[in-house]
N, C-alpha and C. Protein backbone atom coordinates (compact mmCIF):
# COMPACT_ATOMS: atom_id res chain seq x y z
N VAL A 1 9.73 -5.97 -52.46
CA VAL A 1 9.71 -6.29 -51.08
C VAL A 1 10.09 -8.20 -51.21
N ILE A 2 11.04 -8.52 -50.03
CA ILE A 2 11.37 -8.65 -50.13
C ILE A 2 11.12 -10.08 -48.13
N LEU A 3 10.40 -11.58 -48.63
CA LEU A 3 9.83 -11.60 -47.13
C LEU A 3 10.21 -12.74 -47.03
N ALA A 4 10.70 -12.59 -46.02
CA ALA A 4 12.17 -13.81 -45.60
C ALA A 4 11.25 -14.41 -44.73
N SER A 5 10.45 -15.25 -44.11
CA SER A 5 9.58 -15.37 -43.13
C SER A 5 9.26 -17.39 -43.59
N GLY A 6 10.39 -17.43 -44.28
CA GLY A 6 9.85 -19.48 -45.20
C GLY A 6 8.40 -19.57 -45.00
N SER A 7 8.10 -21.28 -44.13
CA SER A 7 7.17 -21.87 -43.96
C SER A 7 6.14 -20.84 -43.22
N TYR A 8 6.15 -19.10 -43.22
CA TYR A 8 4.76 -18.53 -42.19
C TYR A 8 4.67 -17.89 -43.47
N ALA A 9 5.00 -17.49 -44.07
CA ALA A 9 5.02 -17.03 -45.40
C ALA A 9 3.34 -16.79 -45.65
N PRO A 10 2.79 -17.99 -46.14
CA PRO A 10 1.91 -18.15 -46.76
C PRO A 10 0.84 -17.00 -45.96
N LYS A 11 0.48 -17.81 -44.33
CA LYS A 11 0.45 -16.86 -42.98
C LYS A 11 -0.09 -15.42 -43.09
N MET A 12 1.41 -14.66 -43.15
CA MET A 12 1.44 -13.58 -43.31
C MET A 12 1.24 -12.80 -44.39
N LEU A 13 0.93 -13.34 -45.52
CA LEU A 13 0.47 -12.58 -47.06
C LEU A 13 -1.12 -13.49 -47.09
N HIS A 14 -1.39 -13.92 -46.72
CA HIS A 14 -3.35 -13.99 -46.38
C HIS A 14 -4.13 -12.72 -45.92
N ALA A 15 -3.61 -11.94 -45.56
CA ALA A 15 -4.61 -10.69 -45.34
C ALA A 15 -4.53 -9.52 -46.30
N LEU A 16 -3.73 -10.21 -47.35
CA LEU A 16 -3.38 -9.15 -48.70
C LEU A 16 -3.46 -9.76 -49.73
N ARG A 17 -4.88 -11.34 -49.71
CA ARG A 17 -4.87 -12.57 -50.28
C ARG A 17 -3.63 -12.97 -51.51
N ILE A 18 -3.02 -12.84 -51.01
CA ILE A 18 -2.17 -12.85 -52.21
C ILE A 18 -1.65 -14.67 -51.10
N THR A 19 -1.69 -15.97 -51.96
CA THR A 19 -1.00 -17.07 -51.77
C THR A 19 -0.04 -18.03 -52.06
N LEU A 20 0.33 -18.65 -51.22
CA LEU A 20 1.90 -19.52 -51.93
C LEU A 20 2.07 -20.74 -51.90
N PRO A 21 2.31 -21.13 -52.05
CA PRO A 21 1.85 -22.92 -51.58
C PRO A 21 3.78 -23.47 -51.81
N VAL A 22 3.92 -23.21 -50.10
CA VAL A 22 4.97 -23.44 -49.43
C VAL A 22 4.35 -24.02 -48.14
N GLN A 23 4.74 -25.63 -47.47
CA GLN A 23 4.27 -25.78 -46.42
C GLN A 23 5.29 -25.39 -45.83
N PRO A 24 5.52 -25.83 -44.81
CA PRO A 24 6.56 -26.40 -43.20
C PRO A 24 6.93 -28.11 -43.38
N MET A 25 8.21 -27.71 -43.57
CA MET A 25 8.53 -29.97 -43.29
C MET A 25 9.88 -29.87 -42.07
N LYS A 26 9.76 -30.97 -41.48
CA LYS A 26 10.38 -31.27 -40.24
C LYS A 26 11.49 -32.27 -41.12
N GLY A 27 12.43 -31.81 -40.27
CA GLY A 27 13.75 -32.45 -40.43
C GLY A 27 14.63 -32.89 -39.13
N TYR A 28 15.49 -33.70 -38.73
CA TYR A 28 16.20 -34.44 -37.57
C TYR A 28 16.94 -34.51 -38.22
N SER A 29 18.56 -33.85 -37.35
CA SER A 29 20.17 -34.11 -37.75
C SER A 29 20.32 -34.01 -35.70
N LEU A 30 21.85 -34.18 -35.87
CA LEU A 30 22.54 -34.98 -35.08
C LEU A 30 24.15 -34.84 -35.32
N HIS A 31 25.02 -34.15 -33.75
CA HIS A 31 26.20 -34.27 -34.78
C HIS A 31 26.68 -34.00 -33.09
N PHE A 32 27.69 -35.19 -33.88
CA PHE A 32 29.24 -36.35 -33.60
C PHE A 32 30.71 -36.37 -33.41
N THR A 33 31.46 -35.75 -32.23
CA THR A 33 32.73 -35.65 -32.46
C THR A 33 33.15 -35.96 -32.63
N MET A 34 34.17 -36.86 -34.14
CA MET A 34 34.62 -37.83 -34.03
C MET A 34 36.72 -37.70 -33.92
N PRO A 35 37.02 -39.18 -33.37
CA PRO A 35 38.09 -39.08 -32.30
C PRO A 35 38.89 -38.39 -33.37
N LYS A 36 39.95 -37.60 -33.01
CA LYS A 36 41.10 -36.92 -33.06
C LYS A 36 42.26 -38.31 -34.82
N GLY A 37 42.06 -37.00 -35.32
CA GLY A 37 42.51 -38.35 -36.79
C GLY A 37 41.70 -38.42 -37.60
N GLU A 38 40.61 -38.82 -37.16
CA GLU A 38 39.75 -39.20 -37.46
C GLU A 38 38.98 -38.60 -38.79
N ALA A 39 38.61 -38.69 -39.95
CA ALA A 39 37.30 -37.21 -40.49
C ALA A 39 36.44 -38.08 -41.80
N LEU A 40 34.86 -37.72 -41.84
CA LEU A 40 34.83 -38.14 -43.15
C LEU A 40 35.18 -37.74 -44.10
N ARG A 41 35.57 -38.09 -45.15
CA ARG A 41 35.97 -37.08 -46.23
C ARG A 41 35.64 -36.66 -47.03
N SER A 42 34.11 -37.47 -47.40
CA SER A 42 32.61 -37.17 -48.15
C SER A 42 31.50 -37.43 -47.44
N SER A 43 30.40 -37.16 -47.99
CA SER A 43 29.43 -37.50 -47.81
C SER A 43 29.22 -39.01 -48.09
N VAL A 44 28.19 -39.37 -47.03
CA VAL A 44 27.17 -41.20 -47.12
C VAL A 44 26.48 -40.61 -47.42
N THR A 45 25.18 -40.98 -48.00
CA THR A 45 23.99 -41.54 -48.03
C THR A 45 23.43 -42.67 -48.10
N ASP A 46 22.54 -43.24 -47.38
CA ASP A 46 21.64 -44.63 -47.41
C ASP A 46 20.69 -44.47 -47.62
N VAL A 47 20.30 -44.65 -48.84
CA VAL A 47 19.70 -43.83 -49.62
C VAL A 47 18.29 -44.81 -48.82
N ALA A 48 18.53 -46.25 -49.03
CA ALA A 48 17.13 -47.68 -48.01
C ALA A 48 16.74 -46.75 -46.74
N GLN A 49 17.46 -45.71 -45.77
CA GLN A 49 17.35 -45.62 -44.61
C GLN A 49 16.96 -44.00 -44.73
N ARG A 50 17.34 -43.33 -45.24
CA ARG A 50 17.33 -41.79 -46.43
C ARG A 50 17.95 -40.85 -44.93
N ILE A 51 18.66 -41.28 -44.94
CA ILE A 51 19.80 -40.30 -43.76
C ILE A 51 21.70 -39.97 -44.28
N VAL A 52 21.45 -39.74 -44.34
CA VAL A 52 22.99 -38.63 -44.70
C VAL A 52 23.64 -38.57 -43.92
N HIS A 53 25.33 -38.54 -44.39
CA HIS A 53 26.10 -39.26 -42.51
C HIS A 53 27.52 -37.24 -43.75
N THR A 54 27.50 -36.70 -42.60
CA THR A 54 28.82 -35.32 -43.84
C THR A 54 29.46 -34.95 -42.93
N ARG A 55 30.46 -34.36 -42.98
CA ARG A 55 31.60 -33.42 -41.85
C ARG A 55 30.97 -32.03 -41.85
N MET A 56 30.64 -32.00 -40.41
CA MET A 56 30.73 -30.86 -40.29
C MET A 56 32.32 -30.11 -39.46
N GLY A 57 32.40 -29.53 -39.12
CA GLY A 57 33.41 -29.23 -38.42
C GLY A 57 34.22 -30.62 -37.97
N ASN A 58 35.31 -30.61 -36.97
CA ASN A 58 35.55 -31.50 -36.17
C ASN A 58 34.53 -32.75 -35.94
N GLY A 59 33.01 -32.74 -36.59
CA GLY A 59 33.33 -33.71 -36.66
C GLY A 59 31.76 -34.77 -37.43
N ILE A 60 30.92 -35.39 -37.22
CA ILE A 60 29.97 -35.53 -38.39
C ILE A 60 28.69 -35.04 -38.15
N ARG A 61 27.52 -35.66 -39.48
CA ARG A 61 26.14 -34.46 -38.69
C ARG A 61 25.68 -35.12 -39.60
N VAL A 62 24.89 -36.36 -38.81
CA VAL A 62 23.73 -37.53 -39.20
C VAL A 62 22.15 -36.40 -39.12
N ALA A 63 21.80 -37.17 -40.86
CA ALA A 63 20.72 -35.82 -40.80
C ALA A 63 19.45 -36.45 -41.39
N GLY A 64 18.23 -36.70 -41.05
CA GLY A 64 17.31 -37.74 -42.21
C GLY A 64 16.06 -37.35 -42.11
N PHE A 65 14.70 -38.30 -42.65
CA PHE A 65 14.26 -37.22 -42.29
C PHE A 65 13.39 -36.18 -43.06
N ALA A 66 11.70 -36.14 -43.82
CA ALA A 66 11.59 -34.98 -43.55
C ALA A 66 9.64 -34.89 -43.47
N GLU A 67 9.15 -34.63 -42.75
CA GLU A 67 7.55 -34.93 -42.25
C GLU A 67 7.22 -33.35 -42.48
N PHE A 68 6.34 -34.32 -42.89
CA PHE A 68 5.01 -32.27 -43.49
C PHE A 68 3.85 -32.21 -41.90
N ALA A 69 4.55 -31.50 -40.80
CA ALA A 69 4.33 -31.70 -39.70
C ALA A 69 3.96 -30.49 -39.42
N GLY A 70 3.27 -29.79 -40.47
CA GLY A 70 2.66 -28.10 -39.91
C GLY A 70 3.61 -27.74 -39.31
N HIS A 71 3.03 -26.58 -38.40
CA HIS A 71 4.34 -25.82 -37.53
C HIS A 71 4.82 -26.61 -36.18
N ASP A 72 4.25 -28.21 -36.61
CA ASP A 72 4.31 -28.40 -34.91
C ASP A 72 6.51 -28.89 -34.96
N THR A 73 5.88 -28.58 -33.45
CA THR A 73 7.62 -28.10 -33.06
C THR A 73 8.24 -30.07 -32.16
N THR A 74 7.68 -30.81 -31.98
CA THR A 74 7.57 -31.85 -31.26
C THR A 74 8.84 -32.43 -31.91
N VAL A 75 9.16 -33.63 -31.19
CA VAL A 75 10.44 -34.23 -31.26
C VAL A 75 10.33 -35.40 -31.06
N ARG A 76 10.27 -35.79 -32.70
CA ARG A 76 10.51 -37.48 -31.96
C ARG A 76 11.07 -38.50 -31.98
N GLU A 77 11.21 -39.25 -30.54
CA GLU A 77 12.16 -39.39 -29.65
C GLU A 77 13.07 -40.83 -31.15
N ASP A 78 11.98 -41.70 -31.58
CA ASP A 78 12.09 -42.89 -32.16
C ASP A 78 13.00 -42.18 -33.79
N ARG A 79 12.96 -41.22 -33.76
CA ARG A 79 13.62 -40.32 -35.08
C ARG A 79 15.08 -40.08 -34.87
N ILE A 80 14.92 -39.74 -33.73
CA ILE A 80 16.44 -39.27 -32.97
C ILE A 80 17.36 -41.28 -32.80
N ALA A 81 16.28 -42.29 -31.95
CA ALA A 81 17.13 -43.39 -32.07
C ALA A 81 17.45 -43.76 -32.81
N GLN A 82 16.62 -43.62 -33.84
CA GLN A 82 16.56 -44.29 -34.78
C GLN A 82 18.29 -43.77 -36.44
N LEU A 83 18.75 -42.01 -35.66
CA LEU A 83 20.06 -41.45 -36.26
C LEU A 83 20.83 -41.90 -35.91
N LYS A 84 20.90 -42.51 -34.02
CA LYS A 84 22.12 -42.56 -33.42
C LYS A 84 21.97 -44.05 -33.65
N ARG A 85 21.35 -45.41 -33.42
CA ARG A 85 22.18 -46.11 -34.38
C ARG A 85 22.35 -46.30 -35.26
N GLN A 86 21.73 -45.73 -36.78
CA GLN A 86 23.05 -45.75 -37.95
C GLN A 86 24.01 -44.51 -37.36
N ALA A 87 24.11 -43.95 -37.24
CA ALA A 87 25.48 -43.04 -37.02
C ALA A 87 26.28 -44.34 -36.31
N LEU A 88 25.56 -44.90 -35.04
CA LEU A 88 26.72 -45.70 -33.82
C LEU A 88 26.93 -47.27 -35.69
N ARG A 89 25.61 -47.95 -35.93
CA ARG A 89 26.30 -48.62 -37.06
C ARG A 89 27.67 -47.58 -38.23
N LEU A 90 27.68 -47.68 -38.24
CA LEU A 90 29.17 -46.80 -39.24
C LEU A 90 30.14 -46.93 -38.79
N PHE A 91 30.01 -44.90 -37.71
CA PHE A 91 30.32 -45.56 -36.98
C PHE A 91 31.03 -45.65 -35.36
N PRO A 92 31.49 -46.97 -34.79
CA PRO A 92 31.26 -47.40 -33.51
C PRO A 92 32.55 -46.87 -32.05
N ASP A 93 32.91 -45.86 -33.01
CA ASP A 93 33.56 -45.62 -32.07
C ASP A 93 33.59 -43.68 -31.68
């Protein structure tokens, strides 16, 4: 049996008295289109800010943070703003 339900697996298996050490985590990411002719050649990780920049298609993906927030899908605007500031600092165009 394969159970591919991610962080919902423990709840689904509860009735069978099977426990799994799985917790949901929430992360944030943004995608920016790069100007024509420009491209990020490799990933850039800012360890201090806990943010990663990587090439994705015709742009860059800026991702970061990891929150143990249960199944709360609320988007924290301060996290989005921090990702935008960091991306614009490194890639002002």
